[in-house]
Amino acid sequence: MSSPVFGREPSRPLPRDSDSDPTLEIDLTDDEREVLQRGLAEWGGPDGCTDALASVMGFRDRADLLEQGERLHSALISGDPLAGEDWRRALRATEIVFVSAEFGSGKDWSATTGFSDEETIRLLRKLQRKIAAAANG
């Protein structure tokens, strides 16, 4: 049993109902698409994500993050539309892996992805606006 957070049990993501979360095409630049691809790919590295952190990002657990991350990565490469929740999960995963030295790439981000910290922040801000506008209706 998990411990309460601030007096409440942590919420678990609900299974996705494909009919209630239609796919969305979001017009991204090549760099915006690439930073999401790199962010998802970074979770496959030696630093590990915990099941709890994966759950916060919207995945069932670490194994689901890796499995869904591959699917999302492939969809981003091919330019396929994604469900709103998939766009949000890809963004959350990228934000966390970019920033966290404990769970993600942290200070090694630029060396492993080729994107400077400054460029990544600029791209993440653009992605936050675009994904929020499209996926949050």
C-alpha atoms as a PDB file:
ATOM      1  CA  MET A   1       0.000   0.000   0.000  1.00  0.00           C
ATOM      2  CA  SER A   2       1.311   3.424  -0.880  1.00  0.00           C
ATOM      3  CA  SER A   3       1.689   6.143   1.697  1.00  0.00           C
ATOM      4  CA  PRO A   4      -0.603   9.172   1.643  1.00  0.00           C
ATOM      5  CA  VAL A   5       0.734  12.390   0.184  1.00  0.00           C
ATOM      6  CA  PHE A   6      -0.479  15.497   2.022  1.00  0.00           C
ATOM      7  CA  GLY A   7      -3.208  13.427   3.643  1.00  0.00           C
ATOM      8  CA  ARG A   8      -4.481  11.879   0.397  1.00  0.00           C
ATOM      9  CA  GLU A   9      -3.759   8.666  -1.397  1.00  0.00           C
ATOM     10  CA  PRO A  10      -1.828   9.352  -4.607  1.00  0.00           C
ATOM     11  CA  SER A  11      -4.040   9.241  -7.662  1.00  0.00           C
ATOM     12  CA  ARG A  12      -3.415   6.660 -10.350  1.00  0.00           C
ATOM     13  CA  PRO A  13      -3.820   7.491 -14.010  1.00  0.00           C
ATOM     14  CA  LEU A  14      -7.000   6.113 -15.477  1.00  0.00           C
ATOM     15  CA  PRO A  15      -6.828   3.753 -18.417  1.00  0.00           C
ATOM     16  CA  ARG A  16      -7.042   5.677 -21.648  1.00  0.00           C
ATOM     17  CA  ASP A  17     -10.335   5.514 -23.499  1.00  0.00           C
ATOM     18  CA  SER A  18      -9.388   6.103 -27.115  1.00  0.00           C
ATOM     19  CA  ASP A  19     -12.882   7.355 -27.955  1.00  0.00           C
ATOM     20  CA  SER A  20     -12.752  10.069 -25.304  1.00  0.00           C
ATOM     21  CA  ASP A  21      -9.217  11.226 -26.182  1.00  0.00           C
ATOM     22  CA  PRO A  22      -9.027  11.703 -29.945  1.00  0.00           C
ATOM     23  CA  THR A  23      -5.718  12.050 -31.705  1.00  0.00           C
ATOM     24  CA  LEU A  24      -4.405  15.545 -32.323  1.00  0.00           C
ATOM     25  CA  GLU A  25      -2.020  16.838 -34.934  1.00  0.00           C
ATOM     26  CA  ILE A  26       0.137  19.565 -33.453  1.00  0.00           C
ATOM     27  CA  ASP A  27       2.275  21.605 -35.814  1.00  0.00           C
ATOM     28  CA  LEU A  28       5.802  21.291 -34.399  1.00  0.00           C
ATOM     29  CA  THR A  29       9.116  22.439 -35.772  1.00  0.00           C
ATOM     30  CA  ASP A  30      11.773  19.808 -36.404  1.00  0.00           C
ATOM     31  CA  ASP A  31      13.639  20.928 -33.266  1.00  0.00           C
ATOM     32  CA  GLU A  32      10.494  20.786 -31.106  1.00  0.00           C
ATOM     33  CA  ARG A  33       9.767  17.278 -32.328  1.00  0.00           C
ATOM     34  CA  GLU A  34      13.410  16.266 -31.850  1.00  0.00           C
ATOM     35  CA  VAL A  35      13.609  17.515 -28.259  1.00  0.00           C
ATOM     36  CA  LEU A  36      10.558  15.383 -27.360  1.00  0.00           C
ATOM     37  CA  GLN A  37      12.119  12.379 -29.111  1.00  0.00           C
ATOM     38  CA  ARG A  38      15.389  12.878 -27.237  1.00  0.00           C
ATOM     39  CA  GLY A  39      13.570  13.382 -23.947  1.00  0.00           C
ATOM     40  CA  LEU A  40      11.720  10.094 -24.298  1.00  0.00           C
ATOM     41  CA  ALA A  41      14.875   8.262 -25.385  1.00  0.00           C
ATOM     42  CA  GLU A  42      16.815   9.534 -22.353  1.00  0.00           C
ATOM     43  CA  TRP A  43      14.681   7.366 -20.025  1.00  0.00           C
ATOM     44  CA  GLY A  44      16.324   4.272 -21.499  1.00  0.00           C
ATOM     45  CA  GLY A  45      19.705   5.307 -20.082  1.00  0.00           C
ATOM     46  CA  PRO A  46      21.441   4.098 -16.937  1.00  0.00           C
ATOM     47  CA  ASP A  47      19.687   6.523 -14.590  1.00  0.00           C
ATOM     48  CA  GLY A  48      16.449   5.014 -13.542  1.00  0.00           C
ATOM     49  CA  CYS A  49      12.957   6.224 -13.178  1.00  0.00           C
ATOM     50  CA  THR A  50      11.012   4.859 -10.235  1.00  0.00           C
ATOM     51  CA  ASP A  51       7.539   3.415 -10.612  1.00  0.00           C
ATOM     52  CA  ALA A  52       6.209   6.323  -8.519  1.00  0.00           C
ATOM     53  CA  LEU A  53       7.790   8.945 -10.771  1.00  0.00           C
ATOM     54  CA  ALA A  54       6.529   7.179 -13.896  1.00  0.00           C
ATOM     55  CA  SER A  55       3.050   7.252 -12.370  1.00  0.00           C
ATOM     56  CA  VAL A  56       3.288  11.007 -11.754  1.00  0.00           C
ATOM     57  CA  MET A  57       4.171  11.430 -15.437  1.00  0.00           C
ATOM     58  CA  GLY A  58       1.023   9.496 -16.422  1.00  0.00           C
ATOM     59  CA  PHE A  59       2.431   6.014 -16.983  1.00  0.00           C
ATOM     60  CA  ARG A  60       1.497   2.878 -15.004  1.00  0.00           C
ATOM     61  CA  ASP A  61       5.088   2.247 -13.927  1.00  0.00           C
ATOM     62  CA  ARG A  62       8.673   2.367 -15.195  1.00  0.00           C
ATOM     63  CA  ALA A  63       8.128  -0.536 -17.598  1.00  0.00           C
ATOM     64  CA  ASP A  64       5.108   1.247 -19.079  1.00  0.00           C
ATOM     65  CA  LEU A  65       7.159   4.454 -19.449  1.00  0.00           C
ATOM     66  CA  LEU A  66       9.767   2.556 -21.455  1.00  0.00           C
ATOM     67  CA  GLU A  67       7.174   0.708 -23.558  1.00  0.00           C
ATOM     68  CA  GLN A  68       4.970   3.730 -24.205  1.00  0.00           C
ATOM     69  CA  GLY A  69       8.056   5.912 -24.636  1.00  0.00           C
ATOM     70  CA  GLU A  70       9.136   3.754 -27.584  1.00  0.00           C
ATOM     71  CA  ARG A  71       5.676   4.042 -29.114  1.00  0.00           C
ATOM     72  CA  LEU A  72       5.572   7.820 -28.616  1.00  0.00           C
ATOM     73  CA  HIS A  73       9.136   8.188 -29.912  1.00  0.00           C
ATOM     74  CA  SER A  74       8.240   6.305 -33.098  1.00  0.00           C
ATOM     75  CA  ALA A  75       5.071   8.366 -33.581  1.00  0.00           C
ATOM     76  CA  LEU A  76       7.059  11.583 -33.202  1.00  0.00           C
ATOM     77  CA  ILE A  77       9.588  10.421 -35.799  1.00  0.00           C
ATOM     78  CA  SER A  78       6.882   9.538 -38.301  1.00  0.00           C
ATOM     79  CA  GLY A  79       4.821  12.651 -37.567  1.00  0.00           C
ATOM     80  CA  ASP A  80       1.760  10.676 -36.485  1.00  0.00           C
ATOM     81  CA  PRO A  81      -0.934  12.448 -34.477  1.00  0.00           C
ATOM     82  CA  LEU A  82      -1.127  11.537 -30.784  1.00  0.00           C
ATOM     83  CA  ALA A  83      -3.880  11.533 -28.200  1.00  0.00           C
ATOM     84  CA  GLY A  84      -3.918  14.593 -25.958  1.00  0.00           C
ATOM     85  CA  GLU A  85      -2.708  12.596 -22.970  1.00  0.00           C
ATOM     86  CA  ASP A  86       0.149  11.163 -25.044  1.00  0.00           C
ATOM     87  CA  TRP A  87       1.296  14.684 -25.965  1.00  0.00           C
ATOM     88  CA  ARG A  88       1.161  15.686 -22.285  1.00  0.00           C
ATOM     89  CA  ARG A  89       3.043  12.541 -21.165  1.00  0.00           C
ATOM     90  CA  ALA A  90       5.777  13.095 -23.758  1.00  0.00           C
ATOM     91  CA  LEU A  91       6.167  16.685 -22.583  1.00  0.00           C
ATOM     92  CA  ARG A  92       6.194  15.762 -18.862  1.00  0.00           C
ATOM     93  CA  ALA A  93       8.750  13.013 -19.454  1.00  0.00           C
ATOM     94  CA  THR A  94      10.986  15.406 -21.394  1.00  0.00           C
ATOM     95  CA  GLU A  95      10.706  18.183 -18.810  1.00  0.00           C
ATOM     96  CA  ILE A  96      11.679  15.881 -15.952  1.00  0.00           C
ATOM     97  CA  VAL A  97      14.488  14.010 -17.691  1.00  0.00           C
ATOM     98  CA  PHE A  98      15.977  17.335 -18.828  1.00  0.00           C
ATOM     99  CA  VAL A  99      15.964  18.976 -15.400  1.00  0.00           C
ATOM    100  CA  SER A 100      16.549  16.199 -12.881  1.00  0.00           C
ATOM    101  CA  ALA A 101      20.103  15.184 -12.054  1.00  0.00           C
ATOM    102  CA  GLU A 102      18.777  12.477  -9.723  1.00  0.00           C
ATOM    103  CA  PHE A 103      16.297  10.765 -12.055  1.00  0.00           C
ATOM    104  CA  GLY A 104      17.153  12.106 -15.490  1.00  0.00           C
ATOM    105  CA  SER A 105      19.959  13.518 -17.580  1.00  0.00           C
ATOM    106  CA  GLY A 106      20.371  16.772 -15.676  1.00  0.00           C
ATOM    107  CA  LYS A 107      23.775  18.302 -16.358  1.00  0.00           C
ATOM    108  CA  ASP A 108      24.530  15.627 -18.988  1.00  0.00           C
ATOM    109  CA  TRP A 109      21.535  16.599 -21.165  1.00  0.00           C
ATOM    110  CA  SER A 110      23.478  18.672 -23.671  1.00  0.00           C
ATOM    111  CA  ALA A 111      26.187  16.031 -24.042  1.00  0.00           C
ATOM    112  CA  THR A 112      23.720  13.198 -24.623  1.00  0.00           C
ATOM    113  CA  THR A 113      21.156  15.023 -26.761  1.00  0.00           C
ATOM    114  CA  GLY A 114      23.078  17.750 -28.575  1.00  0.00           C
ATOM    115  CA  PHE A 115      20.679  20.447 -27.331  1.00  0.00           C
ATOM    116  CA  SER A 116      22.089  23.165 -25.081  1.00  0.00           C
ATOM    117  CA  ASP A 117      20.233  23.948 -21.876  1.00  0.00           C
ATOM    118  CA  GLU A 118      19.267  27.369 -23.224  1.00  0.00           C
ATOM    119  CA  GLU A 119      17.918  25.925 -26.468  1.00  0.00           C
ATOM    120  CA  THR A 120      16.033  23.222 -24.594  1.00  0.00           C
ATOM    121  CA  ILE A 121      14.342  25.710 -22.270  1.00  0.00           C
ATOM    122  CA  ARG A 122      13.287  27.826 -25.251  1.00  0.00           C
ATOM    123  CA  LEU A 123      11.886  24.758 -27.039  1.00  0.00           C
ATOM    124  CA  LEU A 124      10.125  23.450 -23.935  1.00  0.00           C
ATOM    125  CA  ARG A 125       8.363  26.790 -23.434  1.00  0.00           C
ATOM    126  CA  LYS A 126       7.120  26.662 -27.034  1.00  0.00           C
ATOM    127  CA  LEU A 127       6.016  23.054 -26.601  1.00  0.00           C
ATOM    128  CA  GLN A 128       4.207  23.867 -23.362  1.00  0.00           C
ATOM    129  CA  ARG A 129       2.172  26.556 -25.124  1.00  0.00           C
ATOM    130  CA  LYS A 130       1.427  24.472 -28.222  1.00  0.00           C
ATOM    131  CA  ILE A 131       0.530  21.281 -26.385  1.00  0.00           C
ATOM    132  CA  ALA A 132      -1.580  23.085 -23.785  1.00  0.00           C
ATOM    133  CA  ALA A 133      -3.496  24.926 -26.515  1.00  0.00           C
ATOM    134  CA  ALA A 134      -4.173  21.751 -28.497  1.00  0.00           C
ATOM    135  CA  ALA A 135      -4.456  19.026 -25.857  1.00  0.00           C
ATOM    136  CA  ASN A 136      -6.297  20.943 -23.154  1.00  0.00           C
ATOM    137  CA  GLY A 137      -8.877  22.252 -25.537  1.00  0.00           C
END
